Amino acid sequence: MSVDQAVDIVREALTLMLLLSLPILGAALVIGMGVSIFQAMTQIQEQTLSFVPKIIGMVIVTILVTPWIATMILDFARKMFSGG
């Protein structure tokens, strides 16, 4: 294996990792912004109000995208083990 091939594999692995984490982190961002706007409008400054909805939303999104994540990881693993 040449250096160029190794760099390509690492680049592809990092790109895949970012792609797979995007839905979960995006859900946390959207929920966090929504809760922050709600807190600003109502002037409620409770810390658990921003934490709990994000965790629940992230768990729900993780459950929903798990089949897609598993498919992407398996495709990457097949590609690595097949040498192509």
PDB file of N, CA and C in Angstrom:
ATOM      1  N   MET A   1       0.847  -1.179   0.000  1.00  0.00           N
ATOM      2  CA  MET A   1       0.000   0.000   0.000  1.00  0.00           C
ATOM      3  C   MET A   1       0.886   1.232   0.000  1.00  0.00           C
ATOM      4  N   SER A   2       0.588   2.121  -0.902  1.00  0.00           N
ATOM      5  CA  SER A   2       1.374   3.348  -0.996  1.00  0.00           C
ATOM      6  C   SER A   2       0.820   4.408  -0.041  1.00  0.00           C
ATOM      7  N   VAL A   3       1.577   5.457   0.079  1.00  0.00           N
ATOM      8  CA  VAL A   3       1.168   6.562   0.950  1.00  0.00           C
ATOM      9  C   VAL A   3      -0.104   7.205   0.415  1.00  0.00           C
ATOM     10  N   ASP A   4      -0.213   7.332  -0.890  1.00  0.00           N
ATOM     11  CA  ASP A   4      -1.409   7.935  -1.481  1.00  0.00           C
ATOM     12  C   ASP A   4      -2.660   7.122  -1.179  1.00  0.00           C
ATOM     13  N   GLN A   5      -2.549   5.801  -1.237  1.00  0.00           N
ATOM     14  CA  GLN A   5      -3.694   4.949  -0.918  1.00  0.00           C
ATOM     15  C   GLN A   5      -4.090   5.084   0.545  1.00  0.00           C
ATOM     16  N   ALA A   6      -3.094   5.140   1.426  1.00  0.00           N
ATOM     17  CA  ALA A   6      -3.376   5.283   2.853  1.00  0.00           C
ATOM     18  C   ALA A   6      -4.055   6.614   3.143  1.00  0.00           C
ATOM     19  N   VAL A   7      -3.599   7.665   2.497  1.00  0.00           N
ATOM     20  CA  VAL A   7      -4.203   8.985   2.694  1.00  0.00           C
ATOM     21  C   VAL A   7      -5.642   8.984   2.189  1.00  0.00           C
ATOM     22  N   ASP A   8      -5.886   8.331   1.058  1.00  0.00           N
ATOM     23  CA  ASP A   8      -7.249   8.250   0.526  1.00  0.00           C
ATOM     24  C   ASP A   8      -8.176   7.490   1.471  1.00  0.00           C
ATOM     25  N   ILE A   9      -7.675   6.404   2.062  1.00  0.00           N
ATOM     26  CA  ILE A   9      -8.492   5.628   3.001  1.00  0.00           C
ATOM     27  C   ILE A   9      -8.819   6.446   4.241  1.00  0.00           C
ATOM     28  N   VAL A  10      -7.837   7.138   4.775  1.00  0.00           N
ATOM     29  CA  VAL A  10      -8.069   7.969   5.964  1.00  0.00           C
ATOM     30  C   VAL A  10      -9.040   9.099   5.641  1.00  0.00           C
ATOM     31  N   ARG A  11      -8.872   9.717   4.471  1.00  0.00           N
ATOM     32  CA  ARG A  11      -9.777  10.801   4.065  1.00  0.00           C
ATOM     33  C   ARG A  11     -11.208  10.297   3.920  1.00  0.00           C
ATOM     34  N   GLU A  12     -11.354   9.122   3.308  1.00  0.00           N
ATOM     35  CA  GLU A  12     -12.691   8.556   3.139  1.00  0.00           C
ATOM     36  C   GLU A  12     -13.308   8.177   4.479  1.00  0.00           C
ATOM     37  N   ALA A  13     -12.498   7.655   5.397  1.00  0.00           N
ATOM     38  CA  ALA A  13     -13.011   7.290   6.721  1.00  0.00           C
ATOM     39  C   ALA A  13     -13.457   8.531   7.492  1.00  0.00           C
ATOM     40  N   LEU A  14     -12.690   9.587   7.437  1.00  0.00           N
ATOM     41  CA  LEU A  14     -13.070  10.822   8.132  1.00  0.00           C
ATOM     42  C   LEU A  14     -14.317  11.455   7.516  1.00  0.00           C
ATOM     43  N   THR A  15     -14.410  11.423   6.193  1.00  0.00           N
ATOM     44  CA  THR A  15     -15.593  11.947   5.524  1.00  0.00           C
ATOM     45  C   THR A  15     -16.835  11.148   5.913  1.00  0.00           C
ATOM     46  N   LEU A  16     -16.701   9.830   5.955  1.00  0.00           N
ATOM     47  CA  LEU A  16     -17.815   8.978   6.363  1.00  0.00           C
ATOM     48  C   LEU A  16     -18.230   9.264   7.800  1.00  0.00           C
ATOM     49  N   MET A  17     -17.251   9.440   8.685  1.00  0.00           N
ATOM     50  CA  MET A  17     -17.558   9.739  10.083  1.00  0.00           C
ATOM     51  C   MET A  17     -18.339  11.052  10.203  1.00  0.00           C
ATOM     52  N   LEU A  18     -17.916  12.069   9.464  1.00  0.00           N
ATOM     53  CA  LEU A  18     -18.628  13.349   9.503  1.00  0.00           C
ATOM     54  C   LEU A  18     -20.037  13.215   8.938  1.00  0.00           C
ATOM     55  N   LEU A  19     -20.177  12.462   7.855  1.00  0.00           N
ATOM     56  CA  LEU A  19     -21.482  12.267   7.238  1.00  0.00           C
ATOM     57  C   LEU A  19     -22.436  11.520   8.172  1.00  0.00           C
ATOM     58  N   LEU A  20     -21.920  10.519   8.875  1.00  0.00           N
ATOM     59  CA  LEU A  20     -22.767   9.728   9.765  1.00  0.00           C
ATOM     60  C   LEU A  20     -23.173  10.488  11.022  1.00  0.00           C
ATOM     61  N   SER A  21     -22.339  11.412  11.472  1.00  0.00           N
ATOM     62  CA  SER A  21     -22.675  12.170  12.680  1.00  0.00           C
ATOM     63  C   SER A  21     -23.556  13.383  12.388  1.00  0.00           C
ATOM     64  N   LEU A  22     -23.670  13.759  11.124  1.00  0.00           N
ATOM     65  CA  LEU A  22     -24.411  14.965  10.752  1.00  0.00           C
ATOM     66  C   LEU A  22     -25.883  14.964  11.179  1.00  0.00           C
ATOM     67  N   PRO A  23     -26.664  13.892  10.972  1.00  0.00           N
ATOM     68  CA  PRO A  23     -28.076  13.956  11.386  1.00  0.00           C
ATOM     69  C   PRO A  23     -28.256  14.126  12.896  1.00  0.00           C
ATOM     70  N   ILE A  24     -27.427  13.477  13.677  1.00  0.00           N
ATOM     71  CA  ILE A  24     -27.565  13.550  15.136  1.00  0.00           C
ATOM     72  C   ILE A  24     -27.163  14.936  15.638  1.00  0.00           C
ATOM     73  N   LEU A  25     -26.052  15.442  15.128  1.00  0.00           N
ATOM     74  CA  LEU A  25     -25.620  16.775  15.547  1.00  0.00           C
ATOM     75  C   LEU A  25     -26.551  17.858  15.014  1.00  0.00           C
ATOM     76  N   GLY A  26     -27.104  17.643  13.827  1.00  0.00           N
ATOM     77  CA  GLY A  26     -28.073  18.597  13.279  1.00  0.00           C
ATOM     78  C   GLY A  26     -29.337  18.667  14.116  1.00  0.00           C
ATOM     79  N   ALA A  27     -29.794  17.501  14.586  1.00  0.00           N
ATOM     80  CA  ALA A  27     -30.973  17.481  15.452  1.00  0.00           C
ATOM     81  C   ALA A  27     -30.697  18.231  16.757  1.00  0.00           C
ATOM     82  N   ALA A  28     -29.520  18.019  17.323  1.00  0.00           N
ATOM     83  CA  ALA A  28     -29.167  18.732  18.557  1.00  0.00           C
ATOM     84  C   ALA A  28     -29.119  20.235  18.328  1.00  0.00           C
ATOM     85  N   LEU A  29     -28.595  20.652  17.176  1.00  0.00           N
ATOM     86  CA  LEU A  29     -28.520  22.077  16.849  1.00  0.00           C
ATOM     87  C   LEU A  29     -29.910  22.690  16.715  1.00  0.00           C
ATOM     88  N   VAL A  30     -30.783  22.032  15.969  1.00  0.00           N
ATOM     89  CA  VAL A  30     -32.131  22.566  15.748  1.00  0.00           C
ATOM     90  C   VAL A  30     -32.922  22.610  17.054  1.00  0.00           C
ATOM     91  N   ILE A  31     -32.862  21.543  17.829  1.00  0.00           N
ATOM     92  CA  ILE A  31     -33.589  21.501  19.102  1.00  0.00           C
ATOM     93  C   ILE A  31     -33.022  22.531  20.068  1.00  0.00           C
ATOM     94  N   GLY A  32     -31.704  22.652  20.109  1.00  0.00           N
ATOM     95  CA  GLY A  32     -31.071  23.637  20.994  1.00  0.00           C
ATOM     96  C   GLY A  32     -31.468  25.063  20.643  1.00  0.00           C
ATOM     97  N   MET A  33     -31.513  25.359  19.347  1.00  0.00           N
ATOM     98  CA  MET A  33     -31.938  26.703  18.933  1.00  0.00           C
ATOM     99  C   MET A  33     -33.393  26.962  19.292  1.00  0.00           C
ATOM    100  N   GLY A  34     -34.233  25.956  19.086  1.00  0.00           N
ATOM    101  CA  GLY A  34     -35.645  26.110  19.449  1.00  0.00           C
ATOM    102  C   GLY A  34     -35.845  26.347  20.930  1.00  0.00           C
ATOM    103  N   VAL A  35     -35.142  25.586  21.744  1.00  0.00           N
ATOM    104  CA  VAL A  35     -35.258  25.751  23.199  1.00  0.00           C
ATOM    105  C   VAL A  35     -34.687  27.098  23.620  1.00  0.00           C
ATOM    106  N   SER A  36     -33.596  27.527  22.999  1.00  0.00           N
ATOM    107  CA  SER A  36     -33.007  28.832  23.340  1.00  0.00           C
ATOM    108  C   SER A  36     -33.958  29.979  23.009  1.00  0.00           C
ATOM    109  N   ILE A  37     -34.612  29.895  21.868  1.00  0.00           N
ATOM    110  CA  ILE A  37     -35.590  30.928  21.507  1.00  0.00           C
ATOM    111  C   ILE A  37     -36.747  30.916  22.493  1.00  0.00           C
ATOM    112  N   PHE A  38     -37.222  29.716  22.859  1.00  0.00           N
ATOM    113  CA  PHE A  38     -38.299  29.608  23.851  1.00  0.00           C
ATOM    114  C   PHE A  38     -37.878  30.204  25.188  1.00  0.00           C
ATOM    115  N   GLN A  39     -36.650  29.919  25.614  1.00  0.00           N
ATOM    116  CA  GLN A  39     -36.166  30.461  26.884  1.00  0.00           C
ATOM    117  C   GLN A  39     -36.031  31.979  26.818  1.00  0.00           C
ATOM    118  N   ALA A  40     -35.603  32.490  25.686  1.00  0.00           N
ATOM    119  CA  ALA A  40     -35.463  33.942  25.560  1.00  0.00           C
ATOM    120  C   ALA A  40     -36.824  34.631  25.574  1.00  0.00           C
ATOM    121  N   MET A  41     -37.824  33.992  24.957  1.00  0.00           N
ATOM    122  CA  MET A  41     -39.157  34.597  24.917  1.00  0.00           C
ATOM    123  C   MET A  41     -39.827  34.553  26.287  1.00  0.00           C
ATOM    124  N   THR A  42     -39.629  33.472  27.024  1.00  0.00           N
ATOM    125  CA  THR A  42     -40.310  33.328  28.317  1.00  0.00           C
ATOM    126  C   THR A  42     -39.438  33.735  29.498  1.00  0.00           C
ATOM    127  N   GLN A  43     -38.181  34.003  29.269  1.00  0.00           N
ATOM    128  CA  GLN A  43     -37.209  34.358  30.302  1.00  0.00           C
ATOM    129  C   GLN A  43     -37.083  33.281  31.372  1.00  0.00           C
ATOM    130  N   ILE A  44     -37.238  32.034  30.949  1.00  0.00           N
ATOM    131  CA  ILE A  44     -37.001  30.894  31.843  1.00  0.00           C
ATOM    132  C   ILE A  44     -35.548  30.486  31.655  1.00  0.00           C
ATOM    133  N   GLN A  45     -34.764  30.464  32.727  1.00  0.00           N
ATOM    134  CA  GLN A  45     -33.341  30.139  32.615  1.00  0.00           C
ATOM    135  C   GLN A  45     -33.016  28.839  33.352  1.00  0.00           C
ATOM    136  N   GLU A  46     -33.785  27.823  33.092  1.00  0.00           N
ATOM    137  CA  GLU A  46     -33.560  26.522  33.708  1.00  0.00           C
ATOM    138  C   GLU A  46     -32.607  25.719  32.827  1.00  0.00           C
ATOM    139  N   GLN A  47     -31.511  25.207  33.405  1.00  0.00           N
ATOM    140  CA  GLN A  47     -30.504  24.480  32.631  1.00  0.00           C
ATOM    141  C   GLN A  47     -31.022  23.158  32.085  1.00  0.00           C
ATOM    142  N   THR A  48     -31.837  22.451  32.861  1.00  0.00           N
ATOM    143  CA  THR A  48     -32.330  21.155  32.396  1.00  0.00           C
ATOM    144  C   THR A  48     -33.314  21.312  31.250  1.00  0.00           C
ATOM    145  N   LEU A  49     -33.913  22.479  31.112  1.00  0.00           N
ATOM    146  CA  LEU A  49     -34.851  22.713  30.012  1.00  0.00           C
ATOM    147  C   LEU A  49     -34.145  22.656  28.662  1.00  0.00           C
ATOM    148  N   SER A  50     -32.888  23.037  28.611  1.00  0.00           N
ATOM    149  CA  SER A  50     -32.160  22.960  27.342  1.00  0.00           C
ATOM    150  C   SER A  50     -31.479  21.610  27.150  1.00  0.00           C
ATOM    151  N   PHE A  51     -31.176  20.915  28.221  1.00  0.00           N
ATOM    152  CA  PHE A  51     -30.425  19.658  28.134  1.00  0.00           C
ATOM    153  C   PHE A  51     -31.306  18.466  27.799  1.00  0.00           C
ATOM    154  N   VAL A  52     -32.407  18.327  28.499  1.00  0.00           N
ATOM    155  CA  VAL A  52     -33.267  17.141  28.355  1.00  0.00           C
ATOM    156  C   VAL A  52     -33.878  17.018  26.955  1.00  0.00           C
ATOM    157  N   PRO A  53     -34.456  18.066  26.367  1.00  0.00           N
ATOM    158  CA  PRO A  53     -35.005  17.909  25.016  1.00  0.00           C
ATOM    159  C   PRO A  53     -33.949  17.533  23.972  1.00  0.00           C
ATOM    160  N   LYS A  54     -32.731  18.064  24.115  1.00  0.00           N
ATOM    161  CA  LYS A  54     -31.674  17.719  23.172  1.00  0.00           C
ATOM    162  C   LYS A  54     -31.326  16.244  23.260  1.00  0.00           C
ATOM    163  N   ILE A  55     -31.208  15.733  24.477  1.00  0.00           N
ATOM    164  CA  ILE A  55     -30.880  14.313  24.653  1.00  0.00           C
ATOM    165  C   ILE A  55     -31.988  13.437  24.083  1.00  0.00           C
ATOM    166  N   ILE A  56     -33.230  13.773  24.379  1.00  0.00           N
ATOM    167  CA  ILE A  56     -34.357  12.972  23.867  1.00  0.00           C
ATOM    168  C   ILE A  56     -34.395  13.031  22.341  1.00  0.00           C
ATOM    169  N   GLY A  57     -34.222  14.205  21.769  1.00  0.00           N
ATOM    170  CA  GLY A  57     -34.220  14.346  20.315  1.00  0.00           C
ATOM    171  C   GLY A  57     -33.077  13.587  19.662  1.00  0.00           C
ATOM    172  N   MET A  58     -31.899  13.642  20.264  1.00  0.00           N
ATOM    173  CA  MET A  58     -30.759  12.930  19.708  1.00  0.00           C
ATOM    174  C   MET A  58     -30.956  11.419  19.763  1.00  0.00           C
ATOM    175  N   VAL A  59     -31.559  10.931  20.834  1.00  0.00           N
ATOM    176  CA  VAL A  59     -31.834   9.494  20.936  1.00  0.00           C
ATOM    177  C   VAL A  59     -32.833   9.070  19.867  1.00  0.00           C
ATOM    178  N   ILE A  60     -33.879   9.864  19.672  1.00  0.00           N
ATOM    179  CA  ILE A  60     -34.888   9.531  18.652  1.00  0.00           C
ATOM    180  C   ILE A  60     -34.273   9.529  17.259  1.00  0.00           C
ATOM    181  N   VAL A  61     -33.476  10.546  16.944  1.00  0.00           N
ATOM    182  CA  VAL A  61     -32.838  10.608  15.626  1.00  0.00           C
ATOM    183  C   VAL A  61     -31.856   9.449  15.457  1.00  0.00           C
ATOM    184  N   THR A  62     -31.121   9.110  16.504  1.00  0.00           N
ATOM    185  CA  THR A  62     -30.186   7.989  16.424  1.00  0.00           C
ATOM    186  C   THR A  62     -30.915   6.689  16.123  1.00  0.00           C
ATOM    187  N   ILE A  63     -32.050   6.470  16.769  1.00  0.00           N
ATOM    188  CA  ILE A  63     -32.834   5.254  16.515  1.00  0.00           C
ATOM    189  C   ILE A  63     -33.335   5.248  15.071  1.00  0.00           C
ATOM    190  N   LEU A  64     -33.763   6.401  14.578  1.00  0.00           N
ATOM    191  CA  LEU A  64     -34.304   6.468  13.223  1.00  0.00           C
ATOM    192  C   LEU A  64     -33.245   6.275  12.133  1.00  0.00           C
ATOM    193  N   VAL A  65     -32.029   6.757  12.353  1.00  0.00           N
ATOM    194  CA  VAL A  65     -31.002   6.667  11.312  1.00  0.00           C
ATOM    195  C   VAL A  65     -30.049   5.484  11.494  1.00  0.00           C
ATOM    196  N   THR A  66     -30.257   4.668  12.507  1.00  0.00           N
ATOM    197  CA  THR A  66     -29.371   3.522  12.736  1.00  0.00           C
ATOM    198  C   THR A  66     -29.293   2.576  11.539  1.00  0.00           C
ATOM    199  N   PRO A  67     -30.393   2.233  10.862  1.00  0.00           N
ATOM    200  CA  PRO A  67     -30.242   1.354   9.683  1.00  0.00           C
ATOM    201  C   PRO A  67     -29.367   1.973   8.587  1.00  0.00           C
ATOM    202  N   TRP A  68     -29.527   3.259   8.344  1.00  0.00           N
ATOM    203  CA  TRP A  68     -28.714   3.941   7.342  1.00  0.00           C
ATOM    204  C   TRP A  68     -27.238   3.964   7.752  1.00  0.00           C
ATOM    205  N   ILE A  69     -26.979   4.244   9.028  1.00  0.00           N
ATOM    206  CA  ILE A  69     -25.607   4.264   9.528  1.00  0.00           C
ATOM    207  C   ILE A  69     -24.981   2.884   9.392  1.00  0.00           C
ATOM    208  N   ALA A  70     -25.717   1.849   9.759  1.00  0.00           N
ATOM    209  CA  ALA A  70     -25.192   0.488   9.659  1.00  0.00           C
ATOM    210  C   ALA A  70     -24.882   0.125   8.208  1.00  0.00           C
ATOM    211  N   THR A  71     -25.744   0.510   7.283  1.00  0.00           N
ATOM    212  CA  THR A  71     -25.518   0.230   5.871  1.00  0.00           C
ATOM    213  C   THR A  71     -24.252   0.924   5.368  1.00  0.00           C
ATOM    214  N   MET A  72     -24.089   2.181   5.740  1.00  0.00           N
ATOM    215  CA  MET A  72     -22.911   2.929   5.297  1.00  0.00           C
ATOM    216  C   MET A  72     -21.623   2.329   5.864  1.00  0.00           C
ATOM    217  N   ILE A  73     -21.638   1.936   7.134  1.00  0.00           N
ATOM    218  CA  ILE A  73     -20.450   1.343   7.751  1.00  0.00           C
ATOM    219  C   ILE A  73     -20.136  -0.006   7.119  1.00  0.00           C
ATOM    220  N   LEU A  74     -21.168  -0.816   6.866  1.00  0.00           N
ATOM    221  CA  LEU A  74     -20.940  -2.117   6.231  1.00  0.00           C
ATOM    222  C   LEU A  74     -20.393  -1.956   4.818  1.00  0.00           C
ATOM    223  N   ASP A  75     -20.902  -0.997   4.064  1.00  0.00           N
ATOM    224  CA  ASP A  75     -20.372  -0.750   2.724  1.00  0.00           C
ATOM    225  C   ASP A  75     -18.901  -0.340   2.778  1.00  0.00           C
ATOM    226  N   PHE A  76     -18.561   0.511   3.730  1.00  0.00           N
ATOM    227  CA  PHE A  76     -17.170   0.931   3.888  1.00  0.00           C
ATOM    228  C   PHE A  76     -16.293  -0.256   4.275  1.00  0.00           C
ATOM    229  N   ALA A  77     -16.770  -1.094   5.200  1.00  0.00           N
ATOM    230  CA  ALA A  77     -15.992  -2.259   5.618  1.00  0.00           C
ATOM    231  C   ALA A  77     -15.798  -3.240   4.461  1.00  0.00           C
ATOM    232  N   ARG A  78     -16.844  -3.468   3.679  1.00  0.00           N
ATOM    233  CA  ARG A  78     -16.716  -4.349   2.510  1.00  0.00           C
ATOM    234  C   ARG A  78     -15.679  -3.822   1.531  1.00  0.00           C
ATOM    235  N   LYS A  79     -15.711  -2.517   1.332  1.00  0.00           N
ATOM    236  CA  LYS A  79     -14.749  -1.901   0.417  1.00  0.00           C
ATOM    237  C   LYS A  79     -13.324  -2.066   0.938  1.00  0.00           C
ATOM    238  N   MET A  80     -13.130  -1.906   2.236  1.00  0.00           N
ATOM    239  CA  MET A  80     -11.793  -2.031   2.812  1.00  0.00           C
ATOM    240  C   MET A  80     -11.281  -3.470   2.758  1.00  0.00           C
ATOM    241  N   PHE A  81     -12.152  -4.434   3.054  1.00  0.00           N
ATOM    242  CA  PHE A  81     -11.720  -5.833   3.082  1.00  0.00           C
ATOM    243  C   PHE A  81     -11.585  -6.424   1.691  1.00  0.00           C
ATOM    244  N   SER A  82     -12.309  -5.890   0.726  1.00  0.00           N
ATOM    245  CA  SER A  82     -12.204  -6.411  -0.633  1.00  0.00           C
ATOM    246  C   SER A  82     -11.002  -5.816  -1.371  1.00  0.00           C
ATOM    247  N   GLY A  83     -10.455  -4.758  -0.824  1.00  0.00           N
ATOM    248  CA  GLY A  83      -9.289  -4.151  -1.435  1.00  0.00           C
ATOM    249  C   GLY A  83      -9.619  -3.191  -2.561  1.00  0.00           C
ATOM    250  N   GLY A  84     -10.894  -2.877  -2.722  1.00  0.00           N
ATOM    251  CA  GLY A  84     -11.255  -1.986  -3.818  1.00  0.00           C
ATOM    252  C   GLY A  84     -11.901  -0.799  -3.297  1.00  0.00           C
TER     253      GLY A  84
END
